[in-house]
Amino acid sequence: MELVRACILRIEGTNCEDETFSAFKNAGMHPELVHLKQLTGDAEPRRSLEDYDCLMIPGGFSSGDYVRAGAIFAARIKSKLMNDVIDLLERGGLIVGICNGFQVLVELGLLPGLDDLVTDEPQMALHTNDSNRFECRLTLLRHELEEGESPFTSRIEKGAILRIPSAHAEGKIVFPEEFQDEYLEKMRENRQIVFRYVNPDGERGGYPWNPNGSIEDIAGITNQRGDVFGMMPHPERVFHAYNDPMRKRGEIKAYGDGKAIFDSIFEYLSSRK
């Protein structure tokens, strides 16, 4: 079978790229850690997004999160790489952003993508947590879509509760006040809301279950076309069960809840080969 290739894009301040690499590899993909300068500058070995089926922007504090989280990374992509990013999507590829990567996709105008594939200005923001501090702990996510509805979560049943860790200071989804109701209604109609933060009973419970105060407890979304996905929690950190802090003693379980996301991506892209 032809290889399914993933570009894990990084710059100074990126982290979790090694865990993301491992998750993709264990899911069956052929991942590669690629510095932005290998795509846009003279750094060797040179790379091109044409060679990949999936672009992943992992977590971290890219460029120190100066200006605001993800803004500098997004500006560097937009200035030299945006045409290649759009081409990847037009070829049927997928784009994923986790935590800081989600922030980058929002800054790029790729999410929530309510009007066009890319908007000139961001339609939403990931604001400072309501607690005004870095929140780092396990979070519970409820899957809002039907099984098979999204290429990013096709292996997850509707209503399933996933145990996925969060670690961020700027994860609160907010919309311009004058467009908030309109945008939320569009996202509900378009089935763009993928995950919500919930309490142990599977119900929306606010803080501390929602670590940031995100509107409607939203934790992960896609664009209108369904080929760009961003989420604040870190599925790559619980690919294996031994990384799950809620795993019970004696529980026989090889994999954590994050695995299903990477399996879904691989399954979708490999089916197109």
Protein backbone atom coordinates (compact mmCIF):
# COMPACT_ATOMS: atom_id res chain seq x y z
CA MET A 1 0.00 0.00 0.00
CA GLU A 2 1.19 3.50 -0.81
CA LEU A 3 2.49 5.39 2.21
CA VAL A 4 0.31 7.97 3.94
CA ARG A 5 2.63 10.86 4.74
CA ALA A 6 2.23 13.44 7.50
CA CYS A 7 4.20 16.67 7.84
CA ILE A 8 4.59 17.65 11.50
CA LEU A 9 5.49 21.30 11.17
CA ARG A 10 7.59 22.99 13.82
CA ILE A 11 9.46 26.17 14.64
CA GLU A 12 11.15 27.52 17.75
CA GLY A 13 8.93 26.89 20.76
CA THR A 14 7.07 23.89 19.34
CA ASN A 15 6.65 20.94 21.69
CA CYS A 16 4.87 17.58 21.72
CA GLU A 17 6.14 16.97 18.18
CA ASP A 18 7.84 13.75 19.28
CA GLU A 19 4.66 12.40 20.85
CA THR A 20 2.75 13.39 17.72
CA PHE A 21 5.33 11.66 15.53
CA SER A 22 5.01 8.49 17.61
CA ALA A 23 1.20 8.59 17.48
CA PHE A 24 1.12 8.94 13.70
CA LYS A 25 3.71 6.21 13.24
CA ASN A 26 1.90 3.78 15.52
CA ALA A 27 -1.34 4.50 13.67
CA GLY A 28 0.30 3.34 10.42
CA MET A 29 1.32 6.62 8.83
CA HIS A 30 4.72 7.80 7.65
CA PRO A 31 5.34 11.01 9.65
CA GLU A 32 8.22 13.45 9.32
CA LEU A 33 9.31 16.30 11.57
CA VAL A 34 9.75 19.31 9.30
CA HIS A 35 11.00 22.75 10.26
CA LEU A 36 9.22 25.65 8.59
CA LYS A 37 12.52 26.78 7.06
CA GLN A 38 12.75 23.47 5.18
CA LEU A 39 9.57 24.50 3.35
CA THR A 40 10.12 28.23 3.00
CA GLY A 41 13.86 28.85 3.33
CA ASP A 42 17.23 27.33 2.55
CA ALA A 43 17.39 24.77 5.37
CA GLU A 44 18.39 21.29 4.27
CA PRO A 45 17.00 18.83 3.47
CA ARG A 46 14.44 20.84 1.53
CA ARG A 47 10.82 19.70 1.72
CA SER A 48 7.54 20.55 -0.05
CA LEU A 49 3.95 20.18 1.17
CA GLU A 50 3.24 18.50 -2.17
CA ASP A 51 4.89 15.41 -0.70
CA TYR A 52 2.39 15.04 2.17
CA ASP A 53 -1.21 13.97 2.70
CA CYS A 54 -1.62 15.59 6.10
CA LEU A 55 -0.28 18.74 7.72
CA MET A 56 -0.10 18.64 11.50
CA ILE A 57 0.74 21.70 13.60
CA PRO A 58 1.46 20.43 17.12
CA GLY A 59 1.31 22.09 20.51
CA GLY A 60 3.79 24.34 22.23
CA PHE A 61 4.54 28.02 22.62
CA SER A 62 5.67 28.88 19.10
CA SER A 63 7.88 31.97 19.02
CA GLY A 64 7.28 32.29 22.74
CA ASP A 65 3.59 33.13 22.13
CA TYR A 66 4.66 36.75 21.71
CA VAL A 67 1.97 39.10 20.34
CA ARG A 68 -0.59 36.35 21.07
CA ALA A 69 -0.60 32.57 20.92
CA GLY A 70 0.07 31.26 17.41
CA ALA A 71 0.17 34.69 15.76
CA ILE A 72 3.83 34.72 14.68
CA PHE A 73 3.81 31.11 13.45
CA ALA A 74 0.66 31.88 11.44
CA ALA A 75 2.16 35.06 9.96
CA ARG A 76 5.22 33.14 8.76
CA ILE A 77 3.05 30.46 7.16
CA LYS A 78 0.76 33.03 5.55
CA SER A 79 3.62 35.03 4.05
CA LYS A 80 5.35 32.17 2.22
CA LEU A 81 3.40 28.91 2.45
CA MET A 82 -0.31 29.68 2.25
CA ASN A 83 -0.75 28.70 -1.39
CA ASP A 84 0.78 25.30 -0.67
CA VAL A 85 -1.49 24.87 2.36
CA ILE A 86 -4.57 25.55 0.24
CA ASP A 87 -3.28 23.21 -2.48
CA LEU A 88 -2.93 20.39 0.07
CA LEU A 89 -6.61 20.75 0.95
CA GLU A 90 -7.67 20.94 -2.68
CA ARG A 91 -5.80 17.66 -3.28
CA GLY A 92 -7.93 15.99 -0.61
CA GLY A 93 -5.45 16.28 2.24
CA LEU A 94 -6.20 17.00 5.88
CA ILE A 95 -4.93 19.66 8.28
CA VAL A 96 -4.83 19.23 12.05
CA GLY A 97 -3.88 21.67 14.80
CA ILE A 98 -3.51 20.64 18.43
CA CYS A 99 -3.40 23.27 21.17
CA ASN A 100 -0.95 25.87 19.82
CA GLY A 101 -1.59 24.38 16.39
CA PHE A 102 -5.30 25.11 16.83
CA GLN A 103 -4.40 28.70 17.69
CA VAL A 104 -2.29 28.91 14.52
CA LEU A 105 -5.15 27.62 12.33
CA VAL A 106 -7.48 30.23 13.81
CA GLU A 107 -4.94 33.00 13.17
CA LEU A 108 -4.56 31.76 9.58
CA GLY A 109 -8.30 32.10 8.98
CA LEU A 110 -8.71 28.35 8.33
CA LEU A 111 -10.94 27.81 11.36
CA PRO A 112 -13.86 28.02 11.74
CA GLY A 113 -13.99 28.68 7.98
CA LEU A 114 -17.65 29.64 7.94
CA ASP A 115 -17.70 31.61 4.68
CA ASP A 116 -14.65 30.60 2.65
CA LEU A 117 -11.85 28.07 2.86
CA VAL A 118 -9.65 30.88 4.17
CA THR A 119 -10.80 34.21 5.58
CA ASP A 120 -8.69 37.37 5.47
CA GLU A 121 -9.28 38.03 9.16
CA PRO A 122 -9.83 35.50 11.98
CA GLN A 123 -13.50 34.76 12.69
CA MET A 124 -12.81 33.69 16.27
CA ALA A 125 -10.08 33.81 18.87
CA LEU A 126 -8.61 31.58 21.55
CA HIS A 127 -8.53 33.92 24.51
CA THR A 128 -6.87 33.77 27.92
CA ASN A 129 -8.45 31.19 30.22
CA ASP A 130 -11.09 32.52 32.59
CA SER A 131 -8.86 31.49 35.50
CA ASN A 132 -6.14 33.75 34.07
CA ARG A 133 -3.62 30.97 34.52
CA PHE A 134 -2.12 27.95 32.80
CA GLU A 135 -4.47 24.95 33.20
CA CYS A 136 -2.83 21.53 32.97
CA ARG A 137 -4.82 18.39 33.79
CA LEU A 138 -6.94 15.61 32.34
CA THR A 139 -10.16 16.76 30.68
CA LEU A 140 -13.22 14.79 29.62
CA LEU A 141 -14.44 15.32 26.06
CA ARG A 142 -17.80 14.27 24.63
CA HIS A 143 -17.86 13.41 20.94
CA GLU A 144 -20.70 15.36 19.30
CA LEU A 145 -20.76 13.80 15.82
CA GLU A 146 -22.05 10.53 14.44
CA GLU A 147 -19.54 7.72 14.05
CA GLY A 148 -17.96 8.09 10.60
CA GLU A 149 -19.20 11.65 10.11
CA SER A 150 -15.75 13.29 10.29
CA PRO A 151 -12.46 11.96 8.88
CA PHE A 152 -10.81 13.00 12.15
CA THR A 153 -13.10 11.05 14.48
CA SER A 154 -14.66 8.35 12.30
CA ARG A 155 -13.60 5.65 14.79
CA ILE A 156 -15.41 7.31 17.72
CA GLU A 157 -19.07 6.74 18.59
CA LYS A 158 -21.41 9.67 19.11
CA GLY A 159 -21.60 10.55 22.79
CA ALA A 160 -18.39 8.72 23.68
CA ILE A 161 -16.45 10.31 26.54
CA LEU A 162 -12.71 10.58 25.95
CA ARG A 163 -10.08 11.19 28.61
CA ILE A 164 -7.67 13.67 27.00
CA PRO A 165 -5.23 15.96 28.86
CA SER A 166 -5.28 19.73 28.41
CA ALA A 167 -2.36 22.11 28.96
CA HIS A 168 -2.85 25.72 27.90
CA ALA A 169 -3.22 29.30 29.06
CA GLU A 170 -5.15 30.63 26.04
CA GLY A 171 -7.85 28.15 25.08
CA LYS A 172 -11.13 30.02 25.51
CA ILE A 173 -13.07 30.08 22.24
CA VAL A 174 -14.68 33.47 21.71
CA PHE A 175 -16.41 35.09 18.74
CA PRO A 176 -16.99 38.75 17.90
CA GLU A 177 -19.93 39.76 20.06
CA GLU A 178 -21.96 41.06 17.13
CA PHE A 179 -21.58 37.74 15.25
CA GLN A 180 -21.52 35.26 18.13
CA ASP A 181 -25.07 33.92 17.82
CA GLU A 182 -24.88 33.79 14.02
CA TYR A 183 -21.55 31.95 13.99
CA LEU A 184 -22.59 29.43 16.64
CA GLU A 185 -25.81 28.68 14.79
CA LYS A 186 -23.88 28.14 11.55
CA MET A 187 -21.44 25.81 13.29
CA ARG A 188 -24.26 23.76 14.79
CA GLU A 189 -26.02 23.54 11.42
CA ASN A 190 -22.78 22.60 9.64
CA ARG A 191 -21.92 19.95 12.26
CA GLN A 192 -18.59 21.64 12.96
CA ILE A 193 -18.53 21.18 16.74
CA VAL A 194 -16.61 17.94 17.30
CA PHE A 195 -15.85 17.85 21.04
CA ARG A 196 -17.24 19.52 24.16
CA TYR A 197 -15.81 19.55 27.67
CA VAL A 198 -18.03 17.60 30.08
CA ASN A 199 -18.13 16.41 33.69
CA PRO A 200 -17.89 12.73 34.74
CA ASP A 201 -21.63 12.31 34.09
CA GLY A 202 -21.14 13.35 30.47
CA GLU A 203 -22.90 16.67 30.95
CA ARG A 204 -21.58 20.17 30.35
CA GLY A 205 -20.46 21.35 33.76
CA GLY A 206 -18.41 24.52 33.42
CA TYR A 207 -15.19 25.05 35.37
CA PRO A 208 -13.15 23.04 36.30
CA TRP A 209 -14.38 20.50 33.74
CA ASN A 210 -14.13 23.21 31.11
CA PRO A 211 -10.60 24.45 31.87
CA ASN A 212 -10.80 27.72 29.95
CA GLY A 213 -14.36 29.04 29.84
CA SER A 214 -14.79 28.31 26.13
CA ILE A 215 -18.26 29.23 24.88
CA GLU A 216 -20.71 26.30 24.94
CA ASP A 217 -17.85 24.20 26.41
CA ILE A 218 -16.42 23.72 22.90
CA ALA A 219 -13.09 21.87 22.84
CA GLY A 220 -12.62 20.99 19.17
CA ILE A 221 -14.04 22.05 15.80
CA THR A 222 -13.69 21.54 12.06
CA ASN A 223 -14.09 24.01 9.23
CA GLN A 224 -17.27 24.01 7.16
CA ARG A 225 -15.76 21.62 4.59
CA GLY A 226 -14.66 19.22 7.31
CA ASP A 227 -11.03 18.89 6.21
CA VAL A 228 -9.41 21.17 8.82
CA PHE A 229 -9.60 20.22 12.50
CA GLY A 230 -8.43 21.95 15.64
CA MET A 231 -8.67 21.00 19.31
CA MET A 232 -7.12 22.36 22.49
CA PRO A 233 -6.59 19.07 24.41
CA HIS A 234 -3.68 16.77 23.52
CA PRO A 235 -4.68 13.34 22.11
CA GLU A 236 -1.05 12.51 21.30
CA ARG A 237 -0.31 12.42 25.04
CA VAL A 238 -2.68 9.50 25.62
CA PHE A 239 -2.07 7.30 22.60
CA HIS A 240 -0.96 4.58 25.02
CA ALA A 241 -2.98 3.59 28.07
CA TYR A 242 -0.03 3.88 30.44
CA ASN A 243 -0.15 7.67 29.93
CA ASP A 244 -3.76 7.87 31.14
CA PRO A 245 -3.74 9.06 34.78
CA MET A 246 -7.25 7.66 35.31
CA ARG A 247 -6.33 4.14 34.24
CA LYS A 248 -7.28 1.77 37.02
CA ARG A 249 -4.81 -0.63 38.57
CA GLY A 250 -5.06 -3.98 36.85
CA GLU A 251 -6.96 -2.57 33.87
CA ILE A 252 -5.90 -4.44 30.75
CA LYS A 253 -5.87 -1.80 28.06
CA ALA A 254 -3.04 -1.19 25.62
CA TYR A 255 -4.16 2.12 24.16
CA GLY A 256 -5.52 5.40 25.45
CA ASP A 257 -8.40 7.44 24.09
CA GLY A 258 -6.19 9.58 21.86
CA LYS A 259 -5.43 6.67 19.53
CA ALA A 260 -8.84 6.76 17.86
CA ILE A 261 -8.18 10.22 16.41
CA PHE A 262 -4.92 9.19 14.74
CA ASP A 263 -6.47 5.91 13.56
CA SER A 264 -9.34 7.85 12.00
CA ILE A 265 -6.99 10.15 10.10
CA PHE A 266 -4.94 7.23 8.78
CA GLU A 267 -8.03 5.26 7.79
CA TYR A 268 -9.48 8.17 5.83
CA LEU A 269 -6.29 9.09 4.00
CA SER A 270 -5.29 5.50 3.22
CA SER A 271 -8.74 4.88 1.72
CA ARG A 272 -8.00 7.62 -0.82
CA LYS A 273 -4.75 6.09 -2.03
